[in-house]
Structures are given as structure tokens and as C-alpha cells.
Amino acid sequence: MSTIFSKIVSGEIPSHKVHEDDNHLAFLDVFPLRKGHVLVIPKNEVDYVFDMDDNSLGEMMVFAKTVAKKIKGACPCTKVGVAVVGLEVLHAHIHLIPINSVADMNFQQEKLSLTSVELEDIASSIRAIQV
């Protein structure tokens, strides 16, 4: 099985990458709740985040922490919210969303519609932050 996220990892589908290491990838959500909404995934295809072994899950959370600091530096917000949903794509992933209130993480709200240029500008801003 090859998910859309596996195709992003392999380069078959383009993405707006913000951070990467040997085992993880962080890229902008193309249907974001807020500007700077990032998805963090393991490069290894695993269906659900809580199916991951403890070490891999811990490493992904430490990776996500670095990404969250970069997001907070690039996107004005009070905090970076974290959500695990796992229903739409059967590949483990963590949502990192710049927030100023709990309502900013309501997945039922209308998603932003950003152009590829806008997304790349946001991704570039996040990549530029040193942590």
C-alpha cells in the first residue's frame, strides 16, 4: 500500500517541505486550518501514530518539537497546537497548528485556500528559522 504521504516522501507528489531528517518529514498541509499548519510524518509507512513502537513515536515527537519551534518563530501565534486524528490518510501523522485560541484547532471549520506561491512563502519562512 502506498499512501499519498508515502508518495510525498518519495517525491512522486510535490510538497512544501519545512523540515526533514532521515526518518521524518514535515510539510505544509495543503488544506490548512491556519497559515503555518504543518503535518509531521514518519517516512516509514505506518497506519496510525499509536501503532508506532515507543522509540519511533518518541523520536517523531522530538522531531515535531523542533518543527513547532520553527513554526512559532515564523508564524505569529500564542502556541503551536498538536493534534492526532488519523482518519483521512492511513499514514501516521501529527498536525502542528499555530494557534491563539482553542477554536483555531476546530477541524470542522472551513479550510484556508492558499496559492502555491503563498504556501511556498510560508514554508520558506519556517525553514529559515534556526532552533
N, C-alpha and C. Protein backbone atom coordinates (compact mmCIF):
# COMPACT_ATOMS: atom_id res chain seq x y z
N MET A 1 0.85 -1.19 0.00
CA MET A 1 0.00 0.00 0.00
C MET A 1 0.89 1.24 0.00
N SER A 2 0.53 2.19 -0.81
CA SER A 2 1.31 3.43 -0.86
C SER A 2 0.35 4.61 -0.67
N THR A 3 0.52 5.30 0.44
CA THR A 3 -0.36 6.42 0.75
C THR A 3 0.11 7.68 0.04
N ILE A 4 -0.73 8.69 0.05
CA ILE A 4 -0.35 9.98 -0.52
C ILE A 4 0.89 10.52 0.20
N PHE A 5 1.02 10.27 1.50
CA PHE A 5 2.19 10.74 2.25
C PHE A 5 3.45 9.99 1.81
N SER A 6 3.33 8.69 1.52
CA SER A 6 4.49 7.94 1.02
C SER A 6 4.93 8.48 -0.34
N LYS A 7 3.95 8.89 -1.14
CA LYS A 7 4.27 9.48 -2.44
C LYS A 7 4.93 10.84 -2.28
N ILE A 8 4.59 11.58 -1.23
CA ILE A 8 5.27 12.84 -0.94
C ILE A 8 6.70 12.55 -0.52
N VAL A 9 6.90 11.56 0.35
CA VAL A 9 8.26 11.18 0.78
C VAL A 9 9.12 10.80 -0.42
N SER A 10 8.57 10.01 -1.34
CA SER A 10 9.35 9.54 -2.50
C SER A 10 9.54 10.61 -3.57
N GLY A 11 8.82 11.73 -3.45
CA GLY A 11 8.94 12.79 -4.44
C GLY A 11 7.98 12.65 -5.60
N GLU A 12 7.12 11.63 -5.58
CA GLU A 12 6.13 11.45 -6.65
C GLU A 12 5.11 12.58 -6.64
N ILE A 13 4.80 13.09 -5.45
CA ILE A 13 3.85 14.20 -5.29
C ILE A 13 4.62 15.35 -4.65
N PRO A 14 4.55 16.56 -5.23
CA PRO A 14 5.27 17.69 -4.64
C PRO A 14 4.67 18.13 -3.32
N SER A 15 5.49 18.75 -2.49
CA SER A 15 5.02 19.28 -1.21
C SER A 15 5.84 20.51 -0.86
N HIS A 16 5.39 21.22 0.15
CA HIS A 16 6.10 22.40 0.65
C HIS A 16 6.77 21.97 1.96
N LYS A 17 7.96 21.39 1.81
CA LYS A 17 8.70 20.87 2.96
C LYS A 17 9.20 22.00 3.84
N VAL A 18 9.14 21.76 5.16
CA VAL A 18 9.67 22.75 6.10
C VAL A 18 10.83 22.20 6.92
N HIS A 19 10.90 20.87 7.07
CA HIS A 19 11.99 20.27 7.85
C HIS A 19 12.02 18.77 7.54
N GLU A 20 13.24 18.19 7.61
CA GLU A 20 13.38 16.79 7.26
C GLU A 20 14.61 16.22 7.94
N ASP A 21 14.53 14.95 8.31
CA ASP A 21 15.71 14.21 8.72
C ASP A 21 15.63 12.83 8.06
N ASP A 22 16.46 11.90 8.48
CA ASP A 22 16.49 10.59 7.83
C ASP A 22 15.18 9.82 7.97
N ASN A 23 14.45 10.06 9.06
CA ASN A 23 13.27 9.25 9.35
C ASN A 23 11.94 9.98 9.33
N HIS A 24 11.98 11.33 9.22
CA HIS A 24 10.75 12.13 9.33
C HIS A 24 10.71 13.24 8.30
N LEU A 25 9.51 13.67 8.01
CA LEU A 25 9.31 14.78 7.08
C LEU A 25 8.20 15.67 7.64
N ALA A 26 8.41 16.97 7.53
CA ALA A 26 7.39 17.96 7.92
C ALA A 26 7.11 18.84 6.71
N PHE A 27 5.84 18.99 6.38
CA PHE A 27 5.45 19.78 5.21
C PHE A 27 4.12 20.46 5.49
N LEU A 28 3.86 21.52 4.74
CA LEU A 28 2.62 22.28 4.93
C LEU A 28 1.41 21.46 4.50
N ASP A 29 0.36 21.56 5.29
CA ASP A 29 -0.93 20.98 4.92
C ASP A 29 -1.48 21.83 3.78
N VAL A 30 -1.90 21.21 2.70
CA VAL A 30 -2.43 21.99 1.57
C VAL A 30 -3.86 22.45 1.80
N PHE A 31 -4.50 21.94 2.86
CA PHE A 31 -5.82 22.40 3.27
C PHE A 31 -5.73 22.84 4.73
N PRO A 32 -4.99 23.92 4.99
CA PRO A 32 -4.68 24.30 6.37
C PRO A 32 -5.84 24.95 7.11
N LEU A 33 -5.83 24.76 8.43
CA LEU A 33 -6.75 25.50 9.30
C LEU A 33 -6.24 26.92 9.51
N ARG A 34 -4.91 27.06 9.58
CA ARG A 34 -4.25 28.36 9.79
C ARG A 34 -2.98 28.39 8.95
N LYS A 35 -2.52 29.58 8.61
CA LYS A 35 -1.24 29.68 7.91
C LYS A 35 -0.14 29.12 8.81
N GLY A 36 0.65 28.20 8.28
CA GLY A 36 1.69 27.56 9.05
C GLY A 36 1.29 26.19 9.57
N HIS A 37 0.12 25.68 9.19
CA HIS A 37 -0.35 24.34 9.58
C HIS A 37 0.53 23.31 8.89
N VAL A 38 1.25 22.54 9.70
CA VAL A 38 2.23 21.57 9.21
C VAL A 38 1.84 20.16 9.60
N LEU A 39 2.15 19.22 8.72
CA LEU A 39 1.99 17.80 9.02
C LEU A 39 3.37 17.20 9.23
N VAL A 40 3.51 16.40 10.28
CA VAL A 40 4.76 15.70 10.57
C VAL A 40 4.47 14.22 10.40
N ILE A 41 5.30 13.55 9.60
CA ILE A 41 5.09 12.12 9.33
C ILE A 41 6.39 11.34 9.49
N PRO A 42 6.26 10.05 9.80
CA PRO A 42 7.44 9.19 9.68
C PRO A 42 7.59 8.84 8.20
N LYS A 43 8.80 8.73 7.72
CA LYS A 43 8.99 8.34 6.32
C LYS A 43 8.58 6.88 6.10
N ASN A 44 8.73 6.09 7.14
CA ASN A 44 8.28 4.71 7.11
C ASN A 44 6.76 4.68 7.21
N GLU A 45 6.11 3.98 6.30
CA GLU A 45 4.65 3.96 6.29
C GLU A 45 4.10 3.11 7.43
N VAL A 46 3.40 3.78 8.33
CA VAL A 46 2.71 3.16 9.46
C VAL A 46 1.30 3.74 9.46
N ASP A 47 0.28 2.91 9.62
CA ASP A 47 -1.10 3.36 9.51
C ASP A 47 -1.48 4.41 10.54
N TYR A 48 -1.15 4.19 11.81
CA TYR A 48 -1.69 5.02 12.88
C TYR A 48 -0.58 5.35 13.87
N VAL A 49 -0.54 6.56 14.31
CA VAL A 49 0.54 7.04 15.16
C VAL A 49 0.72 6.16 16.41
N PHE A 50 -0.37 5.66 16.97
CA PHE A 50 -0.25 4.85 18.17
C PHE A 50 0.01 3.37 17.88
N ASP A 51 0.21 3.04 16.59
CA ASP A 51 0.72 1.72 16.22
C ASP A 51 2.24 1.71 16.17
N MET A 52 2.85 2.90 16.25
CA MET A 52 4.31 3.00 16.18
C MET A 52 4.92 2.44 17.47
N ASP A 53 6.13 1.87 17.34
CA ASP A 53 6.81 1.42 18.55
C ASP A 53 7.21 2.65 19.36
N ASP A 54 7.43 2.46 20.64
CA ASP A 54 7.66 3.57 21.56
C ASP A 54 8.84 4.44 21.14
N ASN A 55 9.93 3.82 20.72
CA ASN A 55 11.11 4.59 20.34
C ASN A 55 10.82 5.47 19.12
N SER A 56 10.17 4.89 18.12
CA SER A 56 9.86 5.66 16.90
C SER A 56 8.90 6.80 17.19
N LEU A 57 7.90 6.54 18.04
CA LEU A 57 6.95 7.58 18.41
C LEU A 57 7.66 8.71 19.16
N GLY A 58 8.55 8.35 20.08
CA GLY A 58 9.31 9.36 20.82
C GLY A 58 10.18 10.20 19.90
N GLU A 59 10.84 9.55 18.96
CA GLU A 59 11.69 10.28 18.00
C GLU A 59 10.85 11.23 17.15
N MET A 60 9.65 10.78 16.74
CA MET A 60 8.80 11.65 15.92
C MET A 60 8.33 12.86 16.74
N MET A 61 8.04 12.67 18.01
CA MET A 61 7.62 13.79 18.85
C MET A 61 8.76 14.79 19.07
N VAL A 62 9.98 14.30 19.23
CA VAL A 62 11.13 15.20 19.38
C VAL A 62 11.35 15.98 18.07
N PHE A 63 11.20 15.29 16.94
CA PHE A 63 11.28 15.96 15.63
C PHE A 63 10.19 17.03 15.54
N ALA A 64 8.96 16.68 15.95
CA ALA A 64 7.84 17.62 15.90
C ALA A 64 8.10 18.83 16.79
N LYS A 65 8.77 18.63 17.91
CA LYS A 65 9.10 19.74 18.82
C LYS A 65 9.98 20.76 18.10
N THR A 66 10.96 20.29 17.36
CA THR A 66 11.83 21.19 16.59
C THR A 66 11.01 21.96 15.57
N VAL A 67 10.13 21.25 14.87
CA VAL A 67 9.29 21.89 13.85
C VAL A 67 8.37 22.92 14.50
N ALA A 68 7.79 22.59 15.65
CA ALA A 68 6.90 23.53 16.35
C ALA A 68 7.63 24.82 16.71
N LYS A 69 8.88 24.70 17.15
CA LYS A 69 9.66 25.90 17.48
C LYS A 69 9.89 26.75 16.23
N LYS A 70 10.12 26.11 15.10
CA LYS A 70 10.31 26.84 13.84
C LYS A 70 9.01 27.54 13.43
N ILE A 71 7.89 26.83 13.58
CA ILE A 71 6.58 27.42 13.25
C ILE A 71 6.33 28.64 14.12
N LYS A 72 6.55 28.49 15.43
CA LYS A 72 6.29 29.60 16.36
C LYS A 72 7.17 30.81 16.03
N GLY A 73 8.38 30.56 15.54
CA GLY A 73 9.26 31.65 15.15
C GLY A 73 8.85 32.35 13.87
N ALA A 74 8.15 31.61 13.01
CA ALA A 74 7.79 32.16 11.70
C ALA A 74 6.35 32.66 11.61
N CYS A 75 5.47 32.10 12.41
CA CYS A 75 4.04 32.42 12.32
C CYS A 75 3.57 33.02 13.65
N PRO A 76 3.10 34.26 13.62
CA PRO A 76 2.63 34.86 14.87
C PRO A 76 1.53 34.02 15.51
N CYS A 77 1.78 33.57 16.74
CA CYS A 77 0.80 32.75 17.45
C CYS A 77 1.17 32.70 18.92
N THR A 78 0.20 32.32 19.73
CA THR A 78 0.44 32.16 21.16
C THR A 78 1.16 30.84 21.43
N LYS A 79 0.69 29.78 20.79
CA LYS A 79 1.28 28.45 20.92
C LYS A 79 1.12 27.70 19.61
N VAL A 80 1.76 26.54 19.54
CA VAL A 80 1.55 25.63 18.42
C VAL A 80 0.78 24.44 18.97
N GLY A 81 -0.44 24.27 18.48
CA GLY A 81 -1.28 23.16 18.92
C GLY A 81 -0.87 21.87 18.23
N VAL A 82 -1.15 20.77 18.90
CA VAL A 82 -0.81 19.44 18.39
C VAL A 82 -2.08 18.61 18.34
N ALA A 83 -2.29 17.93 17.20
CA ALA A 83 -3.46 17.05 17.07
C ALA A 83 -3.07 15.78 16.32
N VAL A 84 -3.63 14.68 16.77
CA VAL A 84 -3.53 13.41 16.06
C VAL A 84 -4.95 12.99 15.75
N VAL A 85 -5.25 12.86 14.47
CA VAL A 85 -6.59 12.46 14.08
C VAL A 85 -6.51 11.09 13.40
N GLY A 86 -5.85 11.03 12.26
CA GLY A 86 -5.57 9.75 11.63
C GLY A 86 -6.70 9.09 10.88
N LEU A 87 -7.73 9.85 10.51
CA LEU A 87 -8.85 9.24 9.80
C LEU A 87 -8.78 9.43 8.28
N GLU A 88 -8.25 10.54 7.83
CA GLU A 88 -8.29 10.85 6.40
C GLU A 88 -7.19 10.16 5.60
N VAL A 89 -5.98 10.06 6.17
CA VAL A 89 -4.86 9.42 5.48
C VAL A 89 -4.34 8.31 6.39
N LEU A 90 -4.26 7.09 5.86
CA LEU A 90 -3.82 5.96 6.66
C LEU A 90 -2.29 5.87 6.68
N HIS A 91 -1.71 6.94 7.19
CA HIS A 91 -0.26 7.05 7.38
C HIS A 91 -0.10 7.95 8.60
N ALA A 92 0.57 7.45 9.62
CA ALA A 92 0.72 8.19 10.87
C ALA A 92 1.13 9.63 10.60
N HIS A 93 0.47 10.56 11.28
CA HIS A 93 0.84 11.97 11.13
C HIS A 93 0.36 12.79 12.32
N ILE A 94 1.07 13.88 12.55
CA ILE A 94 0.76 14.82 13.62
C ILE A 94 0.51 16.17 12.97
N HIS A 95 -0.57 16.82 13.36
CA HIS A 95 -0.85 18.18 12.91
C HIS A 95 -0.21 19.15 13.90
N LEU A 96 0.54 20.11 13.39
CA LEU A 96 1.08 21.21 14.20
C LEU A 96 0.45 22.48 13.65
N ILE A 97 -0.30 23.19 14.50
CA ILE A 97 -1.09 24.32 14.03
C ILE A 97 -0.82 25.54 14.91
N PRO A 98 -0.38 26.66 14.30
CA PRO A 98 -0.21 27.88 15.09
C PRO A 98 -1.57 28.36 15.58
N ILE A 99 -1.69 28.57 16.90
CA ILE A 99 -2.99 28.92 17.46
C ILE A 99 -2.90 30.10 18.42
N ASN A 100 -4.02 30.81 18.51
CA ASN A 100 -4.20 31.85 19.51
C ASN A 100 -5.38 31.53 20.42
N SER A 101 -6.19 30.54 20.01
CA SER A 101 -7.32 30.08 20.83
C SER A 101 -7.61 28.64 20.46
N VAL A 102 -8.37 27.97 21.31
CA VAL A 102 -8.74 26.59 21.06
C VAL A 102 -9.54 26.48 19.75
N ALA A 103 -10.33 27.48 19.44
CA ALA A 103 -11.15 27.46 18.22
C ALA A 103 -10.30 27.36 16.95
N ASP A 104 -9.04 27.76 17.03
CA ASP A 104 -8.16 27.69 15.86
C ASP A 104 -7.88 26.25 15.45
N MET A 105 -8.18 25.28 16.33
CA MET A 105 -7.93 23.87 16.01
C MET A 105 -9.21 23.10 15.71
N ASN A 106 -10.27 23.80 15.37
CA ASN A 106 -11.53 23.15 15.04
C ASN A 106 -11.46 22.63 13.61
N PHE A 107 -11.36 21.31 13.47
CA PHE A 107 -11.21 20.71 12.14
C PHE A 107 -12.51 20.76 11.33
N GLN A 108 -13.60 21.19 11.95
CA GLN A 108 -14.87 21.33 11.23
C GLN A 108 -14.98 22.68 10.51
N GLN A 109 -14.10 23.62 10.87
CA GLN A 109 -14.17 24.94 10.23
C GLN A 109 -13.67 24.86 8.79
N GLU A 110 -14.04 25.86 8.02
CA GLU A 110 -13.62 25.92 6.62
C GLU A 110 -12.10 26.07 6.56
N LYS A 111 -11.49 25.31 5.67
CA LYS A 111 -10.04 25.35 5.50
C LYS A 111 -9.66 26.58 4.68
N LEU A 112 -8.43 27.04 4.87
CA LEU A 112 -7.93 28.16 4.09
C LEU A 112 -7.66 27.70 2.66
N SER A 113 -7.77 28.61 1.73
CA SER A 113 -7.44 28.33 0.33
C SER A 113 -6.26 29.21 -0.03
N LEU A 114 -5.07 28.60 -0.04
CA LEU A 114 -3.84 29.34 -0.31
C LEU A 114 -3.24 28.90 -1.64
N THR A 115 -2.63 29.84 -2.34
CA THR A 115 -1.98 29.51 -3.60
C THR A 115 -0.65 28.80 -3.32
N SER A 116 -0.12 28.18 -4.32
CA SER A 116 1.18 27.51 -4.20
C SER A 116 2.27 28.51 -3.82
N VAL A 117 2.17 29.73 -4.34
CA VAL A 117 3.15 30.78 -4.02
C VAL A 117 3.03 31.16 -2.54
N GLU A 118 1.80 31.32 -2.05
CA GLU A 118 1.59 31.63 -0.63
C GLU A 118 2.13 30.51 0.26
N LEU A 119 1.85 29.27 -0.12
CA LEU A 119 2.34 28.13 0.65
C LEU A 119 3.87 28.10 0.67
N GLU A 120 4.48 28.34 -0.48
CA GLU A 120 5.95 28.31 -0.52
C GLU A 120 6.55 29.45 0.29
N ASP A 121 5.91 30.61 0.31
CA ASP A 121 6.39 31.72 1.14
C ASP A 121 6.35 31.34 2.62
N ILE A 122 5.27 30.69 3.04
CA ILE A 122 5.15 30.26 4.43
C ILE A 122 6.20 29.20 4.74
N ALA A 123 6.35 28.23 3.85
CA ALA A 123 7.34 27.16 4.06
C ALA A 123 8.75 27.74 4.15
N SER A 124 9.05 28.67 3.29
CA SER A 124 10.36 29.31 3.29
C SER A 124 10.62 30.05 4.61
N SER A 125 9.59 30.72 5.11
CA SER A 125 9.71 31.43 6.40
C SER A 125 9.99 30.46 7.54
N ILE A 126 9.31 29.32 7.52
CA ILE A 126 9.51 28.33 8.59
C ILE A 126 10.90 27.70 8.46
N ARG A 127 11.29 27.36 7.25
CA ARG A 127 12.63 26.77 7.04
C ARG A 127 13.74 27.69 7.51
N ALA A 128 13.53 29.00 7.38
CA ALA A 128 14.57 29.98 7.70
C ALA A 128 14.83 30.12 9.21
N ILE A 129 13.89 29.67 10.03
CA ILE A 129 14.05 29.79 11.49
C ILE A 129 15.07 28.79 11.98
N GLN A 130 16.06 29.28 12.71
CA GLN A 130 17.08 28.40 13.31
C GLN A 130 16.69 28.10 14.75
N VAL A 131 16.72 26.83 15.12
CA VAL A 131 16.42 26.43 16.51
C VAL A 131 17.55 25.59 17.07
